[in-house]
Amino acid sequence: MRRSIDALSVLSTDDLADYDVISDGPRSLESSIADLGQAPQRFAGGEPPPLPSAREKFDTVGLTAEEIQAHVQRSIGAPPGSRGDEARTWRVYVDGVFGPLSPKDVLQLRQAKLSFPAVHLVVGVFSDEVCAEHESAVDVPHEDRCEVVRHCRWVDEVVPDAPWTLHERFLRARHIDYVAIDEGTSIDPDIDRERLKGYDLVKSLRKAIPTRKTNMSTPMPKSFDPFKKAAEKDAVQVSGGTVRGVPTRLATETSDVVSRADIQEALDTPFEEPPEPTPFEEPKVDEFGTGIGV
């Protein structure tokens, strides 16, 4: 009886290094990794530090992974580690227009990516047609928005045909564990009602995790002088002993007294010197008997 020869018994480990070995049957990559006993891939870190000015401007830029995860655990009512956070990769979903991708968007994606020790971040991008249907203005084409999102360091997967209103069928098809929603979104008047229905569904399914909303602050520079510009406006430039320009206040005050028409008339009619009196001319006498031109 002829015995079948297994390819692995013929080829050595060095020979297999040049080939891609495919497992038999419809097996997923996650199940194969689980069989090998390997832990899920975690975010390695190495994030460049933000600028000091960015820390002052964006209040969520300095949140650490530990702070973000503690906030999420409190929101879902579970102590850290009680849901098997260390043993699996959680699929977290975020959707939006992302046109253009702003610092607020990126900081939300960062919080969603760091919400658990191991996260596969799925980002849905609304198409141009969906945005037009719901009267959401967008200046950046759909493919450009998807490409920019794809290159964000926090994103693992892009859904280009994201639904405007989340539904349970979409969550099951994409194997979404949680949907990251900015705090305060439910009362934001700029959010469409239909979109809020999807968020309410996610909350009822206990699949929502909060991300802190990024608030921007523009502190006044220390050297800021509110009267500096006004002083510069009223300043008169002096160069080589010649005065250039008229102070703004003086020009405003005199504009009511001297009209443009009077100025133009004076320019068109030059000043004429009075004629010199001749010796044969009779002296003129005014009403007081004083001679003129004598």
C-alpha atoms as a PDB file:
ATOM      1  CA  MET A   1       0.000   0.000   0.000  1.00  0.00           C
ATOM      2  CA  ARG A   2       1.390   3.356  -1.073  1.00  0.00           C
ATOM      3  CA  ARG A   3       1.692   5.906   1.675  1.00  0.00           C
ATOM      4  CA  SER A   4       0.972   9.574   0.923  1.00  0.00           C
ATOM      5  CA  ILE A   5       3.921  11.859   1.454  1.00  0.00           C
ATOM      6  CA  ASP A   6       3.315  15.065   3.389  1.00  0.00           C
ATOM      7  CA  ALA A   7       5.039  18.159   1.986  1.00  0.00           C
ATOM      8  CA  LEU A   8       6.226  19.128   5.440  1.00  0.00           C
ATOM      9  CA  SER A   9       8.005  15.781   5.861  1.00  0.00           C
ATOM     10  CA  VAL A  10       9.967  16.296   2.650  1.00  0.00           C
ATOM     11  CA  LEU A  11      10.893  19.957   2.916  1.00  0.00           C
ATOM     12  CA  SER A  12      13.112  21.200   5.678  1.00  0.00           C
ATOM     13  CA  THR A  13      12.632  24.402   7.608  1.00  0.00           C
ATOM     14  CA  ASP A  14      15.105  26.199   5.362  1.00  0.00           C
ATOM     15  CA  ASP A  15      13.189  25.052   2.279  1.00  0.00           C
ATOM     16  CA  LEU A  16       9.912  26.344   3.691  1.00  0.00           C
ATOM     17  CA  ALA A  17      11.412  29.778   4.222  1.00  0.00           C
ATOM     18  CA  ASP A  18      11.009  30.491   0.496  1.00  0.00           C
ATOM     19  CA  TYR A  19       7.326  29.482   0.335  1.00  0.00           C
ATOM     20  CA  ASP A  20       4.040  30.713   1.739  1.00  0.00           C
ATOM     21  CA  VAL A  21       2.442  27.846   3.649  1.00  0.00           C
ATOM     22  CA  ILE A  22      -1.359  28.042   3.523  1.00  0.00           C
ATOM     23  CA  SER A  23      -3.412  26.135   6.062  1.00  0.00           C
ATOM     24  CA  ASP A  24      -6.168  23.758   4.909  1.00  0.00           C
ATOM     25  CA  GLY A  25      -9.796  24.849   5.172  1.00  0.00           C
ATOM     26  CA  PRO A  26     -11.530  28.200   5.695  1.00  0.00           C
ATOM     27  CA  ARG A  27      -9.560  29.283   8.703  1.00  0.00           C
ATOM     28  CA  SER A  28      -9.135  32.885   9.758  1.00  0.00           C
ATOM     29  CA  LEU A  29      -5.870  34.512  10.689  1.00  0.00           C
ATOM     30  CA  GLU A  30      -7.080  35.152  14.234  1.00  0.00           C
ATOM     31  CA  SER A  31      -7.858  31.471  14.796  1.00  0.00           C
ATOM     32  CA  SER A  32      -4.439  30.489  13.473  1.00  0.00           C
ATOM     33  CA  ILE A  33      -2.738  32.907  15.825  1.00  0.00           C
ATOM     34  CA  ALA A  34      -4.816  31.557  18.699  1.00  0.00           C
ATOM     35  CA  ASP A  35      -3.661  28.005  17.885  1.00  0.00           C
ATOM     36  CA  LEU A  36      -0.072  29.148  18.024  1.00  0.00           C
ATOM     37  CA  GLY A  37      -0.669  30.633  21.455  1.00  0.00           C
ATOM     38  CA  GLN A  38       0.445  34.099  20.443  1.00  0.00           C
ATOM     39  CA  ALA A  39      -0.927  37.153  22.193  1.00  0.00           C
ATOM     40  CA  PRO A  40      -2.877  39.734  20.171  1.00  0.00           C
ATOM     41  CA  GLN A  41      -0.828  42.525  18.680  1.00  0.00           C
ATOM     42  CA  ARG A  42      -0.807  45.659  20.782  1.00  0.00           C
ATOM     43  CA  PHE A  43       0.021  49.220  19.926  1.00  0.00           C
ATOM     44  CA  ALA A  44       3.761  49.449  20.300  1.00  0.00           C
ATOM     45  CA  GLY A  45       3.759  53.096  21.285  1.00  0.00           C
ATOM     46  CA  GLY A  46       6.623  55.305  20.276  1.00  0.00           C
ATOM     47  CA  GLU A  47       4.306  58.248  19.766  1.00  0.00           C
ATOM     48  CA  PRO A  48       6.133  61.526  19.099  1.00  0.00           C
ATOM     49  CA  PRO A  49       5.537  64.029  21.898  1.00  0.00           C
ATOM     50  CA  PRO A  50       3.167  66.913  21.139  1.00  0.00           C
ATOM     51  CA  LEU A  51       4.326  70.503  21.053  1.00  0.00           C
ATOM     52  CA  PRO A  52       3.943  72.480  24.297  1.00  0.00           C
ATOM     53  CA  SER A  53       1.657  74.871  22.413  1.00  0.00           C
ATOM     54  CA  ALA A  54      -0.503  71.912  21.313  1.00  0.00           C
ATOM     55  CA  ARG A  55      -0.873  70.818  24.948  1.00  0.00           C
ATOM     56  CA  GLU A  56      -2.205  74.273  25.746  1.00  0.00           C
ATOM     57  CA  LYS A  57      -4.528  74.409  22.734  1.00  0.00           C
ATOM     58  CA  PHE A  58      -6.050  70.879  22.772  1.00  0.00           C
ATOM     59  CA  ASP A  59      -7.117  69.568  26.166  1.00  0.00           C
ATOM     60  CA  THR A  60      -7.063  65.864  25.168  1.00  0.00           C
ATOM     61  CA  VAL A  61      -3.644  65.765  23.538  1.00  0.00           C
ATOM     62  CA  GLY A  62      -1.885  64.847  26.785  1.00  0.00           C
ATOM     63  CA  LEU A  63      -4.117  61.898  27.761  1.00  0.00           C
ATOM     64  CA  THR A  64      -2.140  58.728  28.371  1.00  0.00           C
ATOM     65  CA  ALA A  65      -3.269  55.239  27.358  1.00  0.00           C
ATOM     66  CA  GLU A  66      -3.841  54.384  31.014  1.00  0.00           C
ATOM     67  CA  GLU A  67      -6.076  57.418  31.521  1.00  0.00           C
ATOM     68  CA  ILE A  68      -8.076  56.672  28.360  1.00  0.00           C
ATOM     69  CA  GLN A  69      -8.592  53.011  29.314  1.00  0.00           C
ATOM     70  CA  ALA A  70      -9.573  53.891  32.879  1.00  0.00           C
ATOM     71  CA  HIS A  71     -12.184  56.328  31.532  1.00  0.00           C
ATOM     72  CA  VAL A  72     -13.591  53.642  29.212  1.00  0.00           C
ATOM     73  CA  GLN A  73     -13.707  51.028  31.966  1.00  0.00           C
ATOM     74  CA  ARG A  74     -15.620  53.395  34.240  1.00  0.00           C
ATOM     75  CA  SER A  75     -18.117  54.151  31.471  1.00  0.00           C
ATOM     76  CA  ILE A  76     -18.908  50.496  30.767  1.00  0.00           C
ATOM     77  CA  GLY A  77     -19.047  49.700  34.484  1.00  0.00           C
ATOM     78  CA  ALA A  78     -16.281  47.122  34.539  1.00  0.00           C
ATOM     79  CA  PRO A  79     -13.048  47.140  36.525  1.00  0.00           C
ATOM     80  CA  PRO A  80      -9.844  46.888  34.484  1.00  0.00           C
ATOM     81  CA  GLY A  81      -9.116  43.350  33.309  1.00  0.00           C
ATOM     82  CA  SER A  82     -12.541  41.926  34.157  1.00  0.00           C
ATOM     83  CA  ARG A  83     -13.626  41.641  30.502  1.00  0.00           C
ATOM     84  CA  GLY A  84     -10.561  39.814  29.278  1.00  0.00           C
ATOM     85  CA  ASP A  85      -8.968  42.948  27.887  1.00  0.00           C
ATOM     86  CA  GLU A  86      -5.517  41.407  27.850  1.00  0.00           C
ATOM     87  CA  ALA A  87      -6.561  38.206  26.075  1.00  0.00           C
ATOM     88  CA  ARG A  88      -8.121  39.541  22.868  1.00  0.00           C
ATOM     89  CA  THR A  89      -8.211  42.314  20.303  1.00  0.00           C
ATOM     90  CA  TRP A  90     -11.269  44.553  20.438  1.00  0.00           C
ATOM     91  CA  ARG A  91     -12.776  45.901  17.218  1.00  0.00           C
ATOM     92  CA  VAL A  92     -13.700  49.554  17.762  1.00  0.00           C
ATOM     93  CA  TYR A  93     -15.579  51.611  15.193  1.00  0.00           C
ATOM     94  CA  VAL A  94     -15.610  55.367  14.510  1.00  0.00           C
ATOM     95  CA  ASP A  95     -17.453  57.106  11.675  1.00  0.00           C
ATOM     96  CA  GLY A  96     -17.448  60.596  10.249  1.00  0.00           C
ATOM     97  CA  VAL A  97     -17.058  62.858   7.235  1.00  0.00           C
ATOM     98  CA  PHE A  98     -13.358  63.617   7.853  1.00  0.00           C
ATOM     99  CA  GLY A  99     -13.222  66.341   5.250  1.00  0.00           C
ATOM    100  CA  PRO A 100     -10.743  67.682   5.940  1.00  0.00           C
ATOM    101  CA  LEU A 101      -9.213  65.557   8.698  1.00  0.00           C
ATOM    102  CA  SER A 102      -8.856  67.922  11.646  1.00  0.00           C
ATOM    103  CA  PRO A 103      -6.891  67.694  14.911  1.00  0.00           C
ATOM    104  CA  LYS A 104     -10.166  66.997  16.730  1.00  0.00           C
ATOM    105  CA  ASP A 105     -10.814  64.001  14.451  1.00  0.00           C
ATOM    106  CA  VAL A 106      -7.312  62.615  14.914  1.00  0.00           C
ATOM    107  CA  LEU A 107      -7.443  63.007  18.692  1.00  0.00           C
ATOM    108  CA  GLN A 108     -10.729  61.083  18.777  1.00  0.00           C
ATOM    109  CA  LEU A 109      -9.188  58.307  16.656  1.00  0.00           C
ATOM    110  CA  ARG A 110      -6.262  58.211  19.065  1.00  0.00           C
ATOM    111  CA  GLN A 111      -8.570  57.737  22.048  1.00  0.00           C
ATOM    112  CA  ALA A 112     -10.492  55.013  20.221  1.00  0.00           C
ATOM    113  CA  LYS A 113      -7.262  53.189  19.349  1.00  0.00           C
ATOM    114  CA  LEU A 114      -6.009  53.350  22.940  1.00  0.00           C
ATOM    115  CA  SER A 115      -9.379  52.525  24.563  1.00  0.00           C
ATOM    116  CA  PHE A 116      -8.207  48.923  25.243  1.00  0.00           C
ATOM    117  CA  PRO A 117      -4.757  47.348  25.405  1.00  0.00           C
ATOM    118  CA  ALA A 118      -5.292  45.785  21.951  1.00  0.00           C
ATOM    119  CA  VAL A 119      -7.621  47.481  19.456  1.00  0.00           C
ATOM    120  CA  HIS A 120      -8.337  46.990  15.765  1.00  0.00           C
ATOM    121  CA  LEU A 121      -9.661  50.430  14.801  1.00  0.00           C
ATOM    122  CA  VAL A 122     -12.268  50.464  12.016  1.00  0.00           C
ATOM    123  CA  VAL A 123     -13.105  53.891  10.582  1.00  0.00           C
ATOM    124  CA  GLY A 124     -16.158  54.530   8.417  1.00  0.00           C
ATOM    125  CA  VAL A 125     -16.083  57.402   5.922  1.00  0.00           C
ATOM    126  CA  PHE A 126     -19.357  58.776   4.550  1.00  0.00           C
ATOM    127  CA  SER A 127     -19.561  58.961   0.754  1.00  0.00           C
ATOM    128  CA  ASP A 128     -20.266  62.159  -1.166  1.00  0.00           C
ATOM    129  CA  GLU A 129     -23.749  60.913  -2.039  1.00  0.00           C
ATOM    130  CA  VAL A 130     -24.606  60.157   1.591  1.00  0.00           C
ATOM    131  CA  CYS A 131     -23.333  63.570   2.692  1.00  0.00           C
ATOM    132  CA  ALA A 132     -25.370  65.323  -0.021  1.00  0.00           C
ATOM    133  CA  GLU A 133     -28.466  63.313   0.910  1.00  0.00           C
ATOM    134  CA  HIS A 134     -28.245  64.494   4.509  1.00  0.00           C
ATOM    135  CA  GLU A 135     -27.215  68.058   3.601  1.00  0.00           C
ATOM    136  CA  SER A 136     -23.757  67.746   5.099  1.00  0.00           C
ATOM    137  CA  ALA A 137     -21.407  70.090   3.254  1.00  0.00           C
ATOM    138  CA  VAL A 138     -18.116  68.533   2.194  1.00  0.00           C
ATOM    139  CA  ASP A 139     -15.367  70.137   0.127  1.00  0.00           C
ATOM    140  CA  VAL A 140     -12.967  67.190  -0.115  1.00  0.00           C
ATOM    141  CA  PRO A 141     -13.802  64.314  -2.526  1.00  0.00           C
ATOM    142  CA  HIS A 142     -14.632  60.926  -1.046  1.00  0.00           C
ATOM    143  CA  GLU A 143     -11.540  59.107  -2.317  1.00  0.00           C
ATOM    144  CA  ASP A 144      -9.296  61.861  -0.943  1.00  0.00           C
ATOM    145  CA  ARG A 145     -10.906  61.622   2.495  1.00  0.00           C
ATOM    146  CA  CYS A 146     -10.546  57.834   2.533  1.00  0.00           C
ATOM    147  CA  GLU A 147      -6.899  58.069   1.528  1.00  0.00           C
ATOM    148  CA  VAL A 148      -6.075  60.592   4.240  1.00  0.00           C
ATOM    149  CA  VAL A 149      -7.827  58.473   6.877  1.00  0.00           C
ATOM    150  CA  ARG A 150      -6.023  55.361   5.636  1.00  0.00           C
ATOM    151  CA  HIS A 151      -2.669  56.990   6.287  1.00  0.00           C
ATOM    152  CA  CYS A 152      -3.516  58.010   9.850  1.00  0.00           C
ATOM    153  CA  ARG A 153      -1.261  56.074  12.219  1.00  0.00           C
ATOM    154  CA  TRP A 154      -4.170  55.018  14.450  1.00  0.00           C
ATOM    155  CA  VAL A 155      -6.370  53.488  11.729  1.00  0.00           C
ATOM    156  CA  ASP A 156      -6.294  49.745  10.923  1.00  0.00           C
ATOM    157  CA  GLU A 157      -9.240  49.477   8.519  1.00  0.00           C
ATOM    158  CA  VAL A 158     -11.293  51.906   6.418  1.00  0.00           C
ATOM    159  CA  VAL A 159     -14.958  51.385   5.503  1.00  0.00           C
ATOM    160  CA  PRO A 160     -15.609  53.614   2.458  1.00  0.00           C
ATOM    161  CA  ASP A 161     -19.360  52.903   2.318  1.00  0.00           C
ATOM    162  CA  ALA A 162     -20.190  53.718   5.931  1.00  0.00           C
ATOM    163  CA  PRO A 163     -23.909  54.030   6.714  1.00  0.00           C
ATOM    164  CA  TRP A 164     -25.177  57.365   7.966  1.00  0.00           C
ATOM    165  CA  THR A 165     -27.341  55.627  10.572  1.00  0.00           C
ATOM    166  CA  LEU A 166     -25.750  52.677  12.350  1.00  0.00           C
ATOM    167  CA  HIS A 167     -27.827  49.493  12.472  1.00  0.00           C
ATOM    168  CA  GLU A 168     -27.371  46.122  14.089  1.00  0.00           C
ATOM    169  CA  ARG A 169     -26.843  44.304  10.791  1.00  0.00           C
ATOM    170  CA  PHE A 170     -23.815  46.480   9.981  1.00  0.00           C
ATOM    171  CA  LEU A 171     -22.315  45.922  13.432  1.00  0.00           C
ATOM    172  CA  ARG A 172     -22.648  42.150  13.065  1.00  0.00           C
ATOM    173  CA  ALA A 173     -21.247  42.090   9.531  1.00  0.00           C
ATOM    174  CA  ARG A 174     -18.171  44.069  10.569  1.00  0.00           C
ATOM    175  CA  HIS A 175     -17.786  42.253  13.928  1.00  0.00           C
ATOM    176  CA  ILE A 176     -17.827  45.557  15.796  1.00  0.00           C
ATOM    177  CA  ASP A 177     -17.394  45.213  19.546  1.00  0.00           C
ATOM    178  CA  TYR A 178     -17.712  48.897  20.429  1.00  0.00           C
ATOM    179  CA  VAL A 179     -18.491  52.211  18.770  1.00  0.00           C
ATOM    180  CA  ALA A 180     -16.513  55.205  20.021  1.00  0.00           C
ATOM    181  CA  ILE A 181     -18.737  58.288  20.412  1.00  0.00           C
ATOM    182  CA  ASP A 182     -17.594  61.729  21.474  1.00  0.00           C
ATOM    183  CA  GLU A 183     -19.078  62.867  24.775  1.00  0.00           C
ATOM    184  CA  GLY A 184     -21.798  65.440  24.289  1.00  0.00           C
ATOM    185  CA  THR A 185     -22.675  64.263  20.770  1.00  0.00           C
ATOM    186  CA  SER A 186     -26.258  63.434  21.770  1.00  0.00           C
ATOM    187  CA  ILE A 187     -26.977  67.089  22.544  1.00  0.00           C
ATOM    188  CA  ASP A 188     -24.920  68.600  19.715  1.00  0.00           C
ATOM    189  CA  PRO A 189     -27.308  70.553  17.429  1.00  0.00           C
ATOM    190  CA  ASP A 190     -24.952  70.028  14.477  1.00  0.00           C
ATOM    191  CA  ILE A 191     -25.461  66.244  14.541  1.00  0.00           C
ATOM    192  CA  ASP A 192     -28.213  64.923  12.275  1.00  0.00           C
ATOM    193  CA  ARG A 193     -31.236  63.325  13.959  1.00  0.00           C
ATOM    194  CA  GLU A 194     -30.988  60.184  11.844  1.00  0.00           C
ATOM    195  CA  ARG A 195     -27.373  59.744  12.840  1.00  0.00           C
ATOM    196  CA  LEU A 196     -28.284  60.115  16.495  1.00  0.00           C
ATOM    197  CA  LYS A 197     -30.777  57.259  16.136  1.00  0.00           C
ATOM    198  CA  GLY A 198     -27.894  54.948  15.293  1.00  0.00           C
ATOM    199  CA  TYR A 199     -25.930  56.151  18.303  1.00  0.00           C
ATOM    200  CA  ASP A 200     -28.955  55.561  20.529  1.00  0.00           C
ATOM    201  CA  LEU A 201     -29.188  52.004  19.183  1.00  0.00           C
ATOM    202  CA  VAL A 202     -25.524  51.395  19.963  1.00  0.00           C
ATOM    203  CA  LYS A 203     -26.033  52.646  23.505  1.00  0.00           C
ATOM    204  CA  SER A 204     -29.058  50.385  23.976  1.00  0.00           C
ATOM    205  CA  LEU A 205     -26.926  47.420  22.843  1.00  0.00           C
ATOM    206  CA  ARG A 206     -24.254  48.430  25.383  1.00  0.00           C
ATOM    207  CA  LYS A 207     -21.721  48.730  22.582  1.00  0.00           C
ATOM    208  CA  ALA A 208     -20.835  52.407  23.066  1.00  0.00           C
ATOM    209  CA  ILE A 209     -17.649  53.716  24.639  1.00  0.00           C
ATOM    210  CA  PRO A 210     -17.043  57.431  25.210  1.00  0.00           C
ATOM    211  CA  THR A 211     -14.180  59.520  23.935  1.00  0.00           C
ATOM    212  CA  ARG A 212     -13.514  62.852  25.565  1.00  0.00           C
ATOM    213  CA  LYS A 213     -14.496  65.722  23.307  1.00  0.00           C
ATOM    214  CA  THR A 214     -11.528  67.875  22.363  1.00  0.00           C
ATOM    215  CA  ASN A 215     -11.972  71.494  23.373  1.00  0.00           C
ATOM    216  CA  MET A 216      -9.771  74.082  21.750  1.00  0.00           C
ATOM    217  CA  SER A 217      -8.419  77.026  23.682  1.00  0.00           C
ATOM    218  CA  THR A 218      -6.578  79.916  22.100  1.00  0.00           C
ATOM    219  CA  PRO A 219      -4.738  81.623  24.968  1.00  0.00           C
ATOM    220  CA  MET A 220      -3.854  85.272  24.528  1.00  0.00           C
ATOM    221  CA  PRO A 221      -0.118  85.740  23.907  1.00  0.00           C
ATOM    222  CA  LYS A 222       1.744  87.192  26.856  1.00  0.00           C
ATOM    223  CA  SER A 223       3.015  90.112  24.792  1.00  0.00           C
ATOM    224  CA  PHE A 224      -0.427  90.905  23.386  1.00  0.00           C
ATOM    225  CA  ASP A 225      -1.334  94.606  23.572  1.00  0.00           C
ATOM    226  CA  PRO A 226      -4.920  95.388  22.499  1.00  0.00           C
ATOM    227  CA  PHE A 227      -4.015  99.062  22.008  1.00  0.00           C
ATOM    228  CA  LYS A 228      -0.972  98.438  19.837  1.00  0.00           C
ATOM    229  CA  LYS A 229      -2.848  98.257  16.545  1.00  0.00           C
ATOM    230  CA  ALA A 230      -4.828 101.404  17.330  1.00  0.00           C
ATOM    231  CA  ALA A 231      -1.610 103.249  18.138  1.00  0.00           C
ATOM    232  CA  GLU A 232      -0.033 102.051  14.902  1.00  0.00           C
ATOM    233  CA  LYS A 233      -3.040 103.293  12.968  1.00  0.00           C
ATOM    234  CA  ASP A 234      -2.788 106.790  14.424  1.00  0.00           C
ATOM    235  CA  ALA A 235       0.986 106.989  14.115  1.00  0.00           C
ATOM    236  CA  VAL A 236       2.453 109.575  11.723  1.00  0.00           C
ATOM    237  CA  GLN A 237       5.444 108.465   9.701  1.00  0.00           C
ATOM    238  CA  VAL A 238       8.327 110.945   9.707  1.00  0.00           C
ATOM    239  CA  SER A 239      11.086 110.399   7.200  1.00  0.00           C
ATOM    240  CA  GLY A 240      13.784 112.954   6.391  1.00  0.00           C
ATOM    241  CA  GLY A 241      11.885 115.720   8.138  1.00  0.00           C
ATOM    242  CA  THR A 242       8.782 115.119   6.015  1.00  0.00           C
ATOM    243  CA  VAL A 243       5.536 114.086   7.607  1.00  0.00           C
ATOM    244  CA  ARG A 244       3.814 111.265   5.740  1.00  0.00           C
ATOM    245  CA  GLY A 245       0.214 110.497   6.366  1.00  0.00           C
ATOM    246  CA  VAL A 246      -2.372 112.091   8.572  1.00  0.00           C
ATOM    247  CA  PRO A 247      -3.421 110.675  11.955  1.00  0.00           C
ATOM    248  CA  THR A 248      -6.656 108.737  11.666  1.00  0.00           C
ATOM    249  CA  ARG A 249      -8.461 110.683  14.355  1.00  0.00           C
ATOM    250  CA  LEU A 250      -7.480 114.034  12.851  1.00  0.00           C
ATOM    251  CA  ALA A 251      -8.578 112.914   9.400  1.00  0.00           C
ATOM    252  CA  THR A 252     -11.911 111.737  10.798  1.00  0.00           C
ATOM    253  CA  GLU A 253     -12.549 114.977  12.673  1.00  0.00           C
ATOM    254  CA  THR A 254     -11.704 117.234   9.717  1.00  0.00           C
ATOM    255  CA  SER A 255     -13.616 115.169   7.194  1.00  0.00           C
ATOM    256  CA  ASP A 256     -16.891 116.642   8.426  1.00  0.00           C
ATOM    257  CA  VAL A 257     -15.590 120.221   8.149  1.00  0.00           C
ATOM    258  CA  VAL A 258     -13.773 120.128   4.833  1.00  0.00           C
ATOM    259  CA  SER A 259     -15.542 118.161   2.149  1.00  0.00           C
ATOM    260  CA  ARG A 260     -13.865 116.504  -0.788  1.00  0.00           C
ATOM    261  CA  ALA A 261     -15.542 118.946  -3.164  1.00  0.00           C
ATOM    262  CA  ASP A 262     -13.957 121.931  -1.383  1.00  0.00           C
ATOM    263  CA  ILE A 263     -10.544 120.313  -1.532  1.00  0.00           C
ATOM    264  CA  GLN A 264     -10.906 119.539  -5.231  1.00  0.00           C
ATOM    265  CA  GLU A 265     -12.030 123.109  -5.990  1.00  0.00           C
ATOM    266  CA  ALA A 266      -9.016 124.500  -4.159  1.00  0.00           C
ATOM    267  CA  LEU A 267      -6.722 122.264  -6.166  1.00  0.00           C
ATOM    268  CA  ASP A 268      -8.305 123.253  -9.483  1.00  0.00           C
ATOM    269  CA  THR A 269      -8.143 127.002  -8.672  1.00  0.00           C
ATOM    270  CA  PRO A 270      -4.565 127.929  -7.789  1.00  0.00           C
ATOM    271  CA  PHE A 271      -3.896 130.879  -5.502  1.00  0.00           C
ATOM    272  CA  GLU A 272      -3.379 134.138  -7.440  1.00  0.00           C
ATOM    273  CA  GLU A 273      -1.135 136.944  -6.129  1.00  0.00           C
ATOM    274  CA  PRO A 274      -2.795 140.405  -5.983  1.00  0.00           C
ATOM    275  CA  PRO A 275      -1.527 142.800  -8.700  1.00  0.00           C
ATOM    276  CA  GLU A 276       1.075 145.412  -7.765  1.00  0.00           C
ATOM    277  CA  PRO A 277      -0.362 148.986  -7.590  1.00  0.00           C
ATOM    278  CA  THR A 278       0.929 151.476 -10.235  1.00  0.00           C
ATOM    279  CA  PRO A 279       2.098 155.014  -9.348  1.00  0.00           C
ATOM    280  CA  PHE A 280      -0.674 156.507 -11.494  1.00  0.00           C
ATOM    281  CA  GLU A 281      -3.415 154.633  -9.742  1.00  0.00           C
ATOM    282  CA  GLU A 282      -5.596 156.621  -7.396  1.00  0.00           C
ATOM    283  CA  PRO A 283      -5.268 155.429  -3.811  1.00  0.00           C
ATOM    284  CA  LYS A 284      -8.216 153.498  -2.605  1.00  0.00           C
ATOM    285  CA  VAL A 285      -9.908 154.529   0.599  1.00  0.00           C
ATOM    286  CA  ASP A 286     -11.877 152.144   2.731  1.00  0.00           C
ATOM    287  CA  GLU A 287     -14.907 152.994   4.785  1.00  0.00           C
ATOM    288  CA  PHE A 288     -12.761 154.144   7.694  1.00  0.00           C
ATOM    289  CA  GLY A 289     -10.882 156.686   5.533  1.00  0.00           C
ATOM    290  CA  THR A 290      -7.685 154.623   5.552  1.00  0.00           C
ATOM    291  CA  GLY A 291      -5.879 154.451   2.270  1.00  0.00           C
ATOM    292  CA  ILE A 292      -5.224 151.036   0.710  1.00  0.00           C
ATOM    293  CA  GLY A 293      -2.128 150.463  -1.346  1.00  0.00           C
ATOM    294  CA  VAL A 294      -0.578 153.781  -0.429  1.00  0.00           C
END
